[in-house]
Amino acid sequence: MSKRSVLVIGPMFADLLVEGASQMPRSGEERYIDSYTVSPGGNAILALAFARLGLHCALLSTIGDDFIGAELRDSLETEGVDTSTLSVIKSQQSNISLIFHDASDRSFLTWVQPDPLVHEHASTVARRIESNHFDHVHICFEYLSHRWAQDLLRSLRRSGTSISTGLGYQDSVSWNQGSVEQASLVDWIFMNEEEARRITGKREIRDLLHALRGIVREPVVTLGREGSVALSEKGETIRVPAVDVSVVNTTGSGDSFAAGFIYALLQKRSLMECIRIGGLFGSMTASVKESLSPRIRPELAEAMEKYYDS
């Protein structure tokens, strides 16, 4: 049987995680940090996770013609990600995010490529994509407002491709009626509890799940240390506890949850199994410094089932 194929659409970053920066230096001052880690971030996390799970994955994104872009491309190709849909924007730097991590939370300093250039390149690549080439597409929510993305998704859906997206902080803050219409283009939306509360105005889990039902058929919400929860098409609330790990860095754990969920979905697993596998991969990512759990492999799905059955 041929590999299942996935297309990931959205910006990728170089994530530079800084530890031990208790406060920013004053003007003219130099301070030292405890450690730092550099890893692919943004939608590269999803693409790498899918490739490590044994899926054929292509990433529709952009990099700059700089050292960071070359390193990001090399990281993807080394892991088997298809970079034929990756564009290099000439005379531009690659996206980068400086992540400052302390005991309480994370903070970010980020540089991103100009929107017009990004979408000019993306729309050119999108026109080359065959509608029957992918089993699943995961797209950055922000891109759903662009005509090229809407046309591509409608074409893919007609050929039977399932589609998912993930909400970010800014997406939930700026949520409006237009966002609801854009959400109708996808089958699955991944979000955390705070994002779900912002877009629904509800506080209780049961209430926000039912409110989300008006946006997506089977809502899925991650709850951090409390695990995750979903509302099935039949109206059944499915709650799965978190895997007990020592949390080191939660950056990318939501993306890894989505990757595990989609992997299970393509294996035609039940909604509960999809949530369980997503939860395992998300927890693995939170237990390491990098923005992606190390060397995810398909056999971990079986190990996860044994874990929950024990």
Protein backbone atom coordinates (compact mmCIF):
# COMPACT_ATOMS: atom_id res chain seq x y z
CA MET A 1 0.00 0.00 0.00
CA SER A 2 1.36 3.45 -0.89
CA LYS A 3 2.19 5.97 1.80
CA ARG A 4 -0.48 8.36 2.97
CA SER A 5 0.39 11.87 1.80
CA VAL A 6 0.03 15.16 3.66
CA LEU A 7 0.54 18.77 2.58
CA VAL A 8 1.36 21.36 5.26
CA ILE A 9 0.77 25.01 4.32
CA GLY A 10 2.07 27.92 6.38
CA PRO A 11 5.15 29.83 7.55
CA MET A 12 8.18 28.07 8.99
CA PHE A 13 10.69 29.54 11.43
CA ALA A 14 14.04 28.96 12.99
CA ASP A 15 13.20 28.72 16.72
CA LEU A 16 15.98 29.93 19.01
CA LEU A 17 15.09 28.91 22.57
CA VAL A 18 16.98 30.91 25.20
CA GLU A 19 17.14 29.72 28.81
CA GLY A 20 18.41 31.57 31.84
CA ALA A 21 17.56 35.09 30.65
CA SER A 22 15.90 36.31 33.84
CA GLN A 23 15.68 39.82 32.44
CA MET A 24 16.70 41.69 29.31
CA PRO A 25 20.03 43.59 29.48
CA ARG A 26 19.95 47.34 29.97
CA SER A 27 21.43 49.64 27.33
CA GLY A 28 25.17 48.97 26.99
CA GLU A 29 25.02 45.92 29.29
CA GLU A 30 25.94 42.31 28.47
CA ARG A 31 24.30 39.37 30.21
CA TYR A 32 24.94 35.64 29.91
CA ILE A 33 22.38 32.89 29.47
CA ASP A 34 22.37 29.30 30.72
CA SER A 35 21.83 27.61 27.35
CA TYR A 36 20.15 27.87 23.97
CA THR A 37 18.66 25.46 21.43
CA VAL A 38 17.99 26.03 17.72
CA SER A 39 15.40 23.93 15.88
CA PRO A 40 12.90 24.23 13.00
CA GLY A 41 9.67 25.87 14.14
CA GLY A 42 6.27 26.94 12.92
CA ASN A 43 4.77 24.63 10.33
CA ALA A 44 8.10 22.81 9.94
CA ILE A 45 7.24 21.09 13.24
CA LEU A 46 4.20 19.48 11.66
CA ALA A 47 6.00 18.57 8.45
CA LEU A 48 8.87 16.90 10.30
CA ALA A 49 6.49 15.06 12.61
CA PHE A 50 4.52 13.65 9.66
CA ALA A 51 7.72 12.53 7.92
CA ARG A 52 8.97 10.84 11.08
CA LEU A 53 5.65 9.05 11.37
CA GLY A 54 6.24 7.48 7.97
CA LEU A 55 3.91 9.71 5.94
CA HIS A 56 4.87 11.42 2.70
CA CYS A 57 4.77 15.12 3.59
CA ALA A 58 5.33 18.26 1.53
CA LEU A 59 5.64 21.74 3.03
CA LEU A 60 4.26 24.73 1.12
CA SER A 61 6.20 27.57 2.71
CA THR A 62 8.94 30.13 2.10
CA ILE A 63 12.51 30.69 3.26
CA GLY A 64 15.00 33.48 2.64
CA ASP A 65 18.16 33.15 0.58
CA ASP A 66 20.32 33.17 3.71
CA PHE A 67 22.21 30.77 5.96
CA ILE A 68 19.17 30.13 8.15
CA GLY A 69 17.02 29.27 5.14
CA ALA A 70 19.62 26.82 3.84
CA GLU A 71 19.81 25.15 7.25
CA LEU A 72 16.03 24.89 7.49
CA ARG A 73 15.79 23.30 4.04
CA ASP A 74 18.59 20.87 4.90
CA SER A 75 16.84 19.88 8.14
CA LEU A 76 13.64 19.12 6.23
CA GLU A 77 15.32 17.14 3.47
CA THR A 78 17.43 15.14 5.92
CA GLU A 79 14.22 13.95 7.57
CA GLY A 80 12.54 13.12 4.26
CA VAL A 81 10.20 16.11 3.91
CA ASP A 82 9.34 16.95 0.29
CA THR A 83 10.65 20.49 -0.33
CA SER A 84 9.45 20.78 -3.94
CA THR A 85 6.71 23.14 -2.69
CA LEU A 86 9.18 25.29 -0.70
CA SER A 87 10.01 28.69 -2.24
CA VAL A 88 13.10 30.85 -1.71
CA ILE A 89 12.38 34.59 -1.57
CA LYS A 90 15.37 36.41 -3.01
CA SER A 91 17.01 39.20 -0.99
CA GLN A 92 14.93 38.28 2.06
CA GLN A 93 15.85 36.82 5.43
CA SER A 94 14.18 33.70 6.78
CA ASN A 95 11.62 33.82 9.58
CA ILE A 96 13.09 33.58 13.07
CA SER A 97 11.61 33.49 16.56
CA LEU A 98 13.60 34.11 19.75
CA ILE A 99 11.87 32.27 22.58
CA PHE A 100 12.64 33.25 26.16
CA HIS A 101 11.69 30.54 28.62
CA ASP A 102 11.46 30.87 32.39
CA ALA A 103 9.71 28.99 35.17
CA SER A 104 6.36 30.69 34.60
CA ASP A 105 5.89 31.02 30.82
CA ARG A 106 7.39 31.88 27.44
CA SER A 107 7.85 35.17 25.62
CA PHE A 108 8.78 35.75 21.99
CA LEU A 109 10.64 38.14 19.71
CA THR A 110 9.80 37.30 16.09
CA TRP A 111 10.69 38.48 12.59
CA VAL A 112 8.53 37.40 9.63
CA GLN A 113 8.82 37.87 5.88
CA PRO A 114 6.54 40.49 4.24
CA ASP A 115 3.04 39.12 3.59
CA PRO A 116 2.73 40.19 -0.09
CA LEU A 117 5.93 38.35 -1.06
CA VAL A 118 4.97 35.23 0.89
CA HIS A 119 1.54 34.91 -0.72
CA GLU A 120 2.82 35.74 -4.19
CA HIS A 121 5.16 32.73 -3.96
CA ALA A 122 2.56 30.52 -2.27
CA SER A 123 -0.11 31.19 -4.89
CA THR A 124 2.34 30.30 -7.67
CA VAL A 125 3.13 26.95 -6.04
CA ALA A 126 -0.55 26.26 -5.27
CA ARG A 127 -1.46 26.45 -8.96
CA ARG A 128 0.89 23.51 -9.63
CA ILE A 129 -0.66 21.20 -7.04
CA GLU A 130 -2.81 18.37 -8.37
CA SER A 131 -6.14 18.04 -6.58
CA ASN A 132 -5.82 14.28 -6.08
CA HIS A 133 -2.23 14.26 -4.82
CA PHE A 134 -2.81 14.54 -1.06
CA ASP A 135 -4.88 12.59 1.47
CA HIS A 136 -4.82 15.45 3.97
CA VAL A 137 -3.92 19.14 4.08
CA HIS A 138 -3.10 21.15 7.21
CA ILE A 139 -3.10 24.91 6.67
CA CYS A 140 -2.21 27.88 8.85
CA PHE A 141 -5.51 29.57 9.83
CA GLU A 142 -4.28 33.00 8.78
CA TYR A 143 -3.88 31.78 5.19
CA LEU A 144 -7.58 30.91 4.93
CA SER A 145 -8.37 34.55 4.20
CA HIS A 146 -6.43 34.45 0.92
CA ARG A 147 -8.13 33.63 -2.38
CA TRP A 148 -5.38 31.29 -3.62
CA ALA A 149 -5.73 29.17 -0.47
CA GLN A 150 -9.54 29.10 -0.68
CA ASP A 151 -9.43 27.97 -4.32
CA LEU A 152 -6.87 25.27 -3.53
CA LEU A 153 -8.83 23.90 -0.56
CA ARG A 154 -12.11 23.78 -2.49
CA SER A 155 -10.38 21.85 -5.26
CA LEU A 156 -8.81 19.42 -2.77
CA ARG A 157 -12.09 18.85 -0.93
CA ARG A 158 -13.83 17.94 -4.18
CA SER A 159 -11.28 15.16 -4.62
CA GLY A 160 -11.89 13.81 -1.10
CA THR A 161 -8.96 15.38 0.74
CA SER A 162 -9.56 16.07 4.45
CA ILE A 163 -8.43 19.47 5.74
CA SER A 164 -7.39 20.80 9.15
CA THR A 165 -6.11 24.02 10.65
CA GLY A 166 -4.86 25.24 14.00
CA LEU A 167 -5.71 28.44 15.84
CA GLY A 168 -3.04 30.67 17.32
CA TYR A 169 -3.28 33.43 19.89
CA GLN A 170 -3.71 36.20 17.29
CA ASP A 171 -6.33 34.17 15.38
CA SER A 172 -8.46 33.84 18.51
CA VAL A 173 -8.07 37.51 19.49
CA SER A 174 -9.16 38.75 16.04
CA TRP A 175 -11.94 36.14 15.59
CA ASN A 176 -15.04 37.50 13.81
CA GLN A 177 -17.83 36.43 11.47
CA GLY A 178 -15.36 36.25 8.60
CA SER A 179 -13.34 33.76 10.63
CA VAL A 180 -16.43 31.55 10.97
CA GLU A 181 -16.89 31.57 7.20
CA GLN A 182 -13.23 30.70 6.64
CA ALA A 183 -13.51 27.85 9.15
CA SER A 184 -16.17 26.27 6.94
CA LEU A 185 -13.38 25.36 4.50
CA VAL A 186 -11.86 22.84 6.93
CA ASP A 187 -12.92 19.63 8.67
CA TRP A 188 -10.86 19.95 11.86
CA ILE A 189 -9.69 22.93 13.93
CA PHE A 190 -7.13 22.43 16.71
CA MET A 191 -7.07 24.95 19.55
CA ASN A 192 -6.29 25.18 23.24
CA GLU A 193 -8.71 25.99 26.04
CA GLU A 194 -7.99 29.72 26.17
CA GLU A 195 -8.37 30.10 22.41
CA ALA A 196 -11.66 28.20 22.53
CA ARG A 197 -12.92 30.51 25.28
CA ARG A 198 -11.99 33.63 23.33
CA ILE A 199 -13.85 32.66 20.17
CA THR A 200 -16.95 31.27 21.91
CA GLY A 201 -17.22 33.55 24.95
CA LYS A 202 -17.91 30.45 27.07
CA ARG A 203 -16.06 29.41 30.23
CA GLU A 204 -17.22 25.88 30.97
CA ILE A 205 -15.80 23.07 28.83
CA ARG A 206 -19.21 21.61 28.04
CA ASP A 207 -20.59 24.98 26.95
CA LEU A 208 -17.64 25.91 24.74
CA LEU A 209 -17.65 22.49 23.05
CA HIS A 210 -21.31 22.88 22.12
CA ALA A 211 -20.67 26.45 20.93
CA LEU A 212 -17.81 25.20 18.76
CA ARG A 213 -20.21 22.67 17.26
CA GLY A 214 -21.66 25.55 15.26
CA ILE A 215 -18.25 26.08 13.66
CA VAL A 216 -16.86 22.57 13.18
CA ARG A 217 -18.45 19.11 13.15
CA GLU A 218 -16.33 17.50 15.90
CA PRO A 219 -14.57 20.11 18.08
CA VAL A 220 -11.21 19.18 19.62
CA VAL A 221 -9.65 21.26 22.42
CA THR A 222 -6.35 20.71 24.23
CA LEU A 223 -6.30 21.41 27.97
CA GLY A 224 -2.59 21.50 28.81
CA ARG A 225 -1.80 19.40 31.89
CA GLU A 226 -5.45 18.29 31.98
CA GLY A 227 -5.19 16.47 28.63
CA SER A 228 -7.68 17.09 25.84
CA VAL A 229 -11.39 16.90 25.12
CA ALA A 230 -13.65 16.55 22.08
CA LEU A 231 -17.33 16.44 21.21
CA SER A 232 -18.23 13.63 18.83
CA GLU A 233 -20.69 13.95 15.98
CA LYS A 234 -23.17 11.98 18.12
CA GLY A 235 -22.84 14.51 20.95
CA GLU A 236 -20.61 12.38 23.19
CA THR A 237 -17.97 14.24 25.21
CA ILE A 238 -14.63 12.42 25.00
CA ARG A 239 -12.01 13.38 27.56
CA VAL A 240 -8.47 11.97 27.61
CA PRO A 241 -6.00 12.71 30.44
CA ALA A 242 -2.52 14.02 29.70
CA VAL A 243 0.46 11.68 29.62
CA ASP A 244 2.54 12.21 32.77
CA VAL A 245 5.82 13.82 31.66
CA SER A 246 8.22 16.39 33.06
CA VAL A 247 7.38 19.53 31.08
CA VAL A 248 10.47 21.33 29.73
CA ASN A 249 9.20 23.45 26.82
CA THR A 250 5.63 23.57 25.51
CA THR A 251 6.57 25.31 22.23
CA GLY A 252 5.38 23.07 19.41
CA SER A 253 3.39 20.69 21.62
CA GLY A 254 0.11 21.84 20.06
CA ASP A 255 1.50 21.21 16.57
CA SER A 256 2.68 17.76 17.63
CA PHE A 257 -0.78 17.01 19.05
CA ALA A 258 -2.25 17.89 15.65
CA ALA A 259 0.32 15.70 13.86
CA GLY A 260 -0.47 12.69 16.04
CA PHE A 261 -4.22 13.24 15.68
CA ILE A 262 -4.02 13.50 11.88
CA TYR A 263 -1.71 10.47 11.67
CA ALA A 264 -4.31 8.43 13.57
CA LEU A 265 -7.12 9.92 11.48
CA LEU A 266 -5.43 8.72 8.28
CA GLN A 267 -5.19 5.26 9.86
CA LYS A 268 -8.99 5.44 10.23
CA ARG A 269 -8.81 5.32 14.04
CA SER A 270 -11.71 6.36 16.27
CA LEU A 271 -11.99 9.92 17.59
CA MET A 272 -10.83 8.77 21.03
CA GLU A 273 -7.78 7.02 19.56
CA CYS A 274 -6.94 10.11 17.53
CA ILE A 275 -7.01 12.23 20.69
CA ARG A 276 -4.91 9.71 22.62
CA ILE A 277 -2.22 9.51 19.96
CA GLY A 278 -2.22 13.29 19.57
CA GLY A 279 -1.86 13.66 23.33
CA LEU A 280 1.10 11.29 23.43
CA PHE A 281 3.00 13.16 20.72
CA GLY A 282 2.16 16.54 22.25
CA SER A 283 3.46 15.38 25.64
CA MET A 284 6.66 14.05 24.08
CA THR A 285 7.34 17.45 22.56
CA ALA A 286 6.71 19.23 25.86
CA SER A 287 9.29 16.99 27.56
CA VAL A 288 12.28 18.18 25.47
CA LYS A 289 13.93 21.53 24.77
CA GLU A 290 13.51 21.40 20.99
CA SER A 291 10.26 22.51 19.38
CA LEU A 292 9.76 18.95 18.10
CA SER A 293 9.84 15.65 19.97
CA PRO A 294 12.90 13.62 18.95
CA ARG A 295 12.55 10.81 16.43
CA ILE A 296 8.83 10.10 16.53
CA ARG A 297 8.13 6.71 14.97
CA PRO A 298 4.89 4.93 13.96
CA GLU A 299 5.34 2.09 16.47
CA LEU A 300 4.80 4.61 19.27
CA ALA A 301 1.10 4.54 18.41
CA GLU A 302 0.97 0.91 19.53
CA ALA A 303 2.98 1.70 22.64
CA MET A 304 0.49 4.45 23.46
CA GLU A 305 -2.44 2.07 23.27
CA LYS A 306 -0.73 -0.31 25.70
CA TYR A 307 -0.08 2.65 28.01
CA TYR A 308 -3.75 3.63 28.16
CA ASP A 309 -4.97 0.05 28.37
CA SER A 310 -2.71 -0.77 31.33
